[in-house]
């Protein structure tokens, strides 16, 4: 009888442990409210970080414009001077030089700044009186040109 009692106690214990393990399995997941709270926090953090991205990329546009007016654009105009013998009258002359000379730029959009506005050209320059001025204006009103600003 003792062996039978042990078996019944063992079986009752197994059933009880099985119920407990089922309860534990039910409590292991996340509730819908917890998931929504985490998603809301992720959204808030993403929103805060996205507000800073505009200034990061905006700064790179200013640097790209500075690079163009101080290097690329100056190289185009100087190459035009070397091959044609005179400064271009406008930047569009870089696209359509005199016959026999290949264009320096293929597309008019190559003469646009990062904000899709045409770069400005002035010959003779007011800031560079012995040569030419290449410049554009950033959205914040800052003038970006190929002259020494002392900065």
C-alpha atoms as a PDB file:
ATOM      1  CA  UNK A   1       0.000   0.000   0.000  1.00  0.00           C
ATOM      2  CA  UNK A   2       2.914   2.285   0.630  1.00  0.00           C
ATOM      3  CA  UNK A   3       4.122   1.896  -2.939  1.00  0.00           C
ATOM      4  CA  UNK A   4       0.668   2.770  -4.222  1.00  0.00           C
ATOM      5  CA  UNK A   5       0.503   5.837  -1.980  1.00  0.00           C
ATOM      6  CA  UNK A   6       3.957   6.943  -3.211  1.00  0.00           C
ATOM      7  CA  UNK A   7       2.849   6.618  -6.816  1.00  0.00           C
ATOM      8  CA  UNK A   8      -0.313   8.646  -6.239  1.00  0.00           C
ATOM      9  CA  UNK A   9       1.684  11.348  -4.412  1.00  0.00           C
ATOM     10  CA  UNK A  10       4.238  11.352  -7.211  1.00  0.00           C
ATOM     11  CA  UNK A  11       1.504  11.659  -9.846  1.00  0.00           C
ATOM     12  CA  UNK A  12      -0.238  14.452  -7.889  1.00  0.00           C
ATOM     13  CA  UNK A  13       3.099  16.282  -7.656  1.00  0.00           C
ATOM     14  CA  UNK A  14       3.656  15.894 -11.394  1.00  0.00           C
ATOM     15  CA  UNK A  15       0.187  17.287 -12.139  1.00  0.00           C
ATOM     16  CA  UNK A  16       0.755  20.201  -9.762  1.00  0.00           C
ATOM     17  CA  UNK A  17       4.195  20.941 -11.297  1.00  0.00           C
ATOM     18  CA  UNK A  18       2.657  20.767 -14.764  1.00  0.00           C
ATOM     19  CA  UNK A  19       0.027  23.361 -13.757  1.00  0.00           C
ATOM     20  CA  UNK A  20       2.724  25.622 -12.334  1.00  0.00           C
ATOM     21  CA  UNK A  21       4.857  25.277 -15.431  1.00  0.00           C
ATOM     22  CA  UNK A  22       1.820  26.133 -17.609  1.00  0.00           C
ATOM     23  CA  UNK A  23       1.233  29.255 -15.507  1.00  0.00           C
ATOM     24  CA  UNK A  24       4.883  30.201 -15.842  1.00  0.00           C
ATOM     25  CA  UNK A  25       4.723  29.706 -19.598  1.00  0.00           C
ATOM     26  CA  UNK A  26       1.720  32.014 -19.771  1.00  0.00           C
ATOM     27  CA  UNK A  27       3.576  34.758 -17.857  1.00  0.00           C
ATOM     28  CA  UNK A  28       6.770  34.655 -19.957  1.00  0.00           C
ATOM     29  CA  UNK A  29       5.532  36.891 -22.831  1.00  0.00           C
ATOM     30  CA  UNK A  30       5.040  40.662 -23.049  1.00  0.00           C
ATOM     31  CA  UNK A  31       1.650  42.282 -22.781  1.00  0.00           C
ATOM     32  CA  UNK A  32       0.338  44.507 -25.526  1.00  0.00           C
ATOM     33  CA  UNK A  33       0.666  47.551 -23.266  1.00  0.00           C
ATOM     34  CA  UNK A  34       4.357  46.823 -22.626  1.00  0.00           C
ATOM     35  CA  UNK A  35       5.035  46.476 -26.354  1.00  0.00           C
ATOM     36  CA  UNK A  36       3.204  49.743 -27.097  1.00  0.00           C
ATOM     37  CA  UNK A  37       5.211  51.573 -24.422  1.00  0.00           C
ATOM     38  CA  UNK A  38       8.494  50.325 -25.915  1.00  0.00           C
ATOM     39  CA  UNK A  39       7.391  51.330 -29.420  1.00  0.00           C
ATOM     40  CA  UNK A  40       6.395  54.789 -28.185  1.00  0.00           C
ATOM     41  CA  UNK A  41       9.804  55.250 -26.545  1.00  0.00           C
ATOM     42  CA  UNK A  42      11.577  54.157 -29.734  1.00  0.00           C
ATOM     43  CA  UNK A  43       9.469  56.657 -31.693  1.00  0.00           C
ATOM     44  CA  UNK A  44      10.326  59.498 -29.316  1.00  0.00           C
ATOM     45  CA  UNK A  45      14.053  58.726 -29.479  1.00  0.00           C
ATOM     46  CA  UNK A  46      13.930  58.457 -33.287  1.00  0.00           C
ATOM     47  CA  UNK A  47      12.085  61.773 -33.530  1.00  0.00           C
ATOM     48  CA  UNK A  48      14.637  63.540 -31.370  1.00  0.00           C
ATOM     49  CA  UNK A  49      17.548  62.161 -33.355  1.00  0.00           C
ATOM     50  CA  UNK A  50      15.922  63.031 -36.708  1.00  0.00           C
ATOM     51  CA  UNK A  51      15.716  66.696 -35.743  1.00  0.00           C
ATOM     52  CA  UNK A  52      19.517  66.781 -35.545  1.00  0.00           C
ATOM     53  CA  UNK A  53      20.044  65.013 -38.878  1.00  0.00           C
ATOM     54  CA  UNK A  54      18.894  68.054 -40.872  1.00  0.00           C
ATOM     55  CA  UNK A  55      21.647  70.182 -39.410  1.00  0.00           C
ATOM     56  CA  UNK A  56      24.205  67.456 -40.058  1.00  0.00           C
ATOM     57  CA  UNK A  57      23.280  67.139 -43.725  1.00  0.00           C
ATOM     58  CA  UNK A  58      22.793  70.892 -44.084  1.00  0.00           C
ATOM     59  CA  UNK A  59      26.376  71.380 -42.962  1.00  0.00           C
ATOM     60  CA  UNK A  60      27.594  68.964 -45.586  1.00  0.00           C
ATOM     61  CA  UNK A  61      25.787  70.980 -48.269  1.00  0.00           C
ATOM     62  CA  UNK A  62      27.651  74.103 -47.185  1.00  0.00           C
ATOM     63  CA  UNK A  63      30.930  72.194 -47.383  1.00  0.00           C
ATOM     64  CA  UNK A  64      30.022  70.858 -50.825  1.00  0.00           C
ATOM     65  CA  UNK A  65      29.285  74.404 -52.040  1.00  0.00           C
ATOM     66  CA  UNK A  66      32.574  75.658 -50.582  1.00  0.00           C
ATOM     67  CA  UNK A  67      34.409  72.814 -52.300  1.00  0.00           C
ATOM     68  CA  UNK A  68      32.805  73.644 -55.653  1.00  0.00           C
ATOM     69  CA  UNK A  69      33.484  77.386 -55.609  1.00  0.00           C
ATOM     70  CA  UNK A  70      37.059  76.944 -54.335  1.00  0.00           C
ATOM     71  CA  UNK A  71      38.096  73.919 -56.413  1.00  0.00           C
ATOM     72  CA  UNK A  72      35.818  72.503 -59.078  1.00  0.00           C
ATOM     73  CA  UNK A  73      34.304  75.754 -60.322  1.00  0.00           C
ATOM     74  CA  UNK A  74      37.641  77.550 -60.269  1.00  0.00           C
ATOM     75  CA  UNK A  75      39.203  74.680 -62.236  1.00  0.00           C
ATOM     76  CA  UNK A  76      36.462  74.916 -64.892  1.00  0.00           C
ATOM     77  CA  UNK A  77      36.896  78.684 -65.301  1.00  0.00           C
ATOM     78  CA  UNK A  78      40.709  78.493 -65.279  1.00  0.00           C
ATOM     79  CA  UNK A  79      40.647  75.683 -67.868  1.00  0.00           C
ATOM     80  CA  UNK A  80      38.338  77.790 -70.031  1.00  0.00           C
ATOM     81  CA  UNK A  81      40.768  80.715 -69.750  1.00  0.00           C
ATOM     82  CA  UNK A  82      43.696  78.471 -70.699  1.00  0.00           C
ATOM     83  CA  UNK A  83      42.028  76.889 -73.745  1.00  0.00           C
ATOM     84  CA  UNK A  84      39.981  79.841 -75.045  1.00  0.00           C
ATOM     85  CA  UNK A  85      42.285  82.668 -74.042  1.00  0.00           C
ATOM     86  CA  UNK A  86      39.735  84.731 -72.134  1.00  0.00           C
ATOM     87  CA  UNK A  87      37.448  84.364 -69.141  1.00  0.00           C
ATOM     88  CA  UNK A  88      33.916  83.109 -69.840  1.00  0.00           C
ATOM     89  CA  UNK A  89      31.200  85.767 -69.955  1.00  0.00           C
ATOM     90  CA  UNK A  90      28.908  83.514 -67.874  1.00  0.00           C
ATOM     91  CA  UNK A  91      29.004  80.030 -66.420  1.00  0.00           C
ATOM     92  CA  UNK A  92      26.821  78.776 -69.284  1.00  0.00           C
ATOM     93  CA  UNK A  93      29.871  79.348 -71.549  1.00  0.00           C
ATOM     94  CA  UNK A  94      31.410  76.341 -69.791  1.00  0.00           C
ATOM     95  CA  UNK A  95      28.683  74.216 -71.341  1.00  0.00           C
ATOM     96  CA  UNK A  96      28.974  75.743 -74.828  1.00  0.00           C
ATOM     97  CA  UNK A  97      32.560  76.889 -75.437  1.00  0.00           C
ATOM     98  CA  UNK A  98      33.710  78.119 -78.857  1.00  0.00           C
ATOM     99  CA  UNK A  99      33.822  75.478 -81.606  1.00  0.00           C
ATOM    100  CA  UNK A 100      36.631  72.965 -81.464  1.00  0.00           C
ATOM    101  CA  UNK A 101      36.757  72.977 -77.669  1.00  0.00           C
ATOM    102  CA  UNK A 102      34.866  70.271 -75.780  1.00  0.00           C
ATOM    103  CA  UNK A 103      32.392  71.393 -73.115  1.00  0.00           C
ATOM    104  CA  UNK A 104      33.726  71.637 -69.595  1.00  0.00           C
ATOM    105  CA  UNK A 105      30.395  70.555 -68.109  1.00  0.00           C
ATOM    106  CA  UNK A 106      27.800  68.388 -69.827  1.00  0.00           C
ATOM    107  CA  UNK A 107      24.668  69.285 -67.881  1.00  0.00           C
ATOM    108  CA  UNK A 108      23.368  72.648 -66.708  1.00  0.00           C
ATOM    109  CA  UNK A 109      22.610  71.008 -63.351  1.00  0.00           C
ATOM    110  CA  UNK A 110      26.383  70.624 -62.850  1.00  0.00           C
ATOM    111  CA  UNK A 111      26.448  74.402 -62.430  1.00  0.00           C
ATOM    112  CA  UNK A 112      23.852  74.339 -59.618  1.00  0.00           C
ATOM    113  CA  UNK A 113      24.641  74.492 -55.921  1.00  0.00           C
ATOM    114  CA  UNK A 114      23.492  71.798 -53.459  1.00  0.00           C
ATOM    115  CA  UNK A 115      20.204  73.730 -52.985  1.00  0.00           C
ATOM    116  CA  UNK A 116      19.482  73.510 -56.755  1.00  0.00           C
ATOM    117  CA  UNK A 117      20.208  77.216 -57.421  1.00  0.00           C
ATOM    118  CA  UNK A 118      22.702  78.244 -60.114  1.00  0.00           C
ATOM    119  CA  UNK A 119      26.134  79.266 -58.898  1.00  0.00           C
ATOM    120  CA  UNK A 120      26.863  82.952 -59.502  1.00  0.00           C
ATOM    121  CA  UNK A 121      29.836  84.153 -61.570  1.00  0.00           C
ATOM    122  CA  UNK A 122      31.218  87.648 -61.919  1.00  0.00           C
ATOM    123  CA  UNK A 123      34.121  88.792 -64.104  1.00  0.00           C
ATOM    124  CA  UNK A 124      35.928  90.924 -63.200  1.00  0.00           C
ATOM    125  CA  UNK A 125      35.327  90.003 -59.602  1.00  0.00           C
ATOM    126  CA  UNK A 126      34.512  92.527 -56.908  1.00  0.00           C
ATOM    127  CA  UNK A 127      36.095  90.365 -54.188  1.00  0.00           C
ATOM    128  CA  UNK A 128      38.834  89.111 -56.543  1.00  0.00           C
ATOM    129  CA  UNK A 129      39.440  92.179 -58.747  1.00  0.00           C
ATOM    130  CA  UNK A 130      42.293  90.601 -60.706  1.00  0.00           C
ATOM    131  CA  UNK A 131      40.246  87.530 -61.649  1.00  0.00           C
ATOM    132  CA  UNK A 132      36.661  86.339 -61.048  1.00  0.00           C
ATOM    133  CA  UNK A 133      34.157  85.671 -58.281  1.00  0.00           C
ATOM    134  CA  UNK A 134      32.291  82.375 -57.937  1.00  0.00           C
ATOM    135  CA  UNK A 135      29.674  82.298 -55.211  1.00  0.00           C
ATOM    136  CA  UNK A 136      26.318  81.136 -53.937  1.00  0.00           C
ATOM    137  CA  UNK A 137      24.149  81.848 -50.918  1.00  0.00           C
ATOM    138  CA  UNK A 138      23.201  79.210 -48.335  1.00  0.00           C
ATOM    139  CA  UNK A 139      19.568  79.094 -47.125  1.00  0.00           C
ATOM    140  CA  UNK A 140      20.607  80.870 -43.917  1.00  0.00           C
ATOM    141  CA  UNK A 141      21.877  83.828 -46.001  1.00  0.00           C
ATOM    142  CA  UNK A 142      25.589  83.061 -45.616  1.00  0.00           C
ATOM    143  CA  UNK A 143      27.613  83.960 -48.717  1.00  0.00           C
ATOM    144  CA  UNK A 144      29.867  81.132 -49.911  1.00  0.00           C
ATOM    145  CA  UNK A 145      32.509  82.394 -52.329  1.00  0.00           C
ATOM    146  CA  UNK A 146      35.965  81.765 -53.761  1.00  0.00           C
ATOM    147  CA  UNK A 147      37.560  84.661 -51.899  1.00  0.00           C
ATOM    148  CA  UNK A 148      39.382  84.799 -48.587  1.00  0.00           C
ATOM    149  CA  UNK A 149      36.960  85.795 -45.845  1.00  0.00           C
ATOM    150  CA  UNK A 150      39.600  85.813 -43.112  1.00  0.00           C
ATOM    151  CA  UNK A 151      37.952  82.894 -41.267  1.00  0.00           C
END
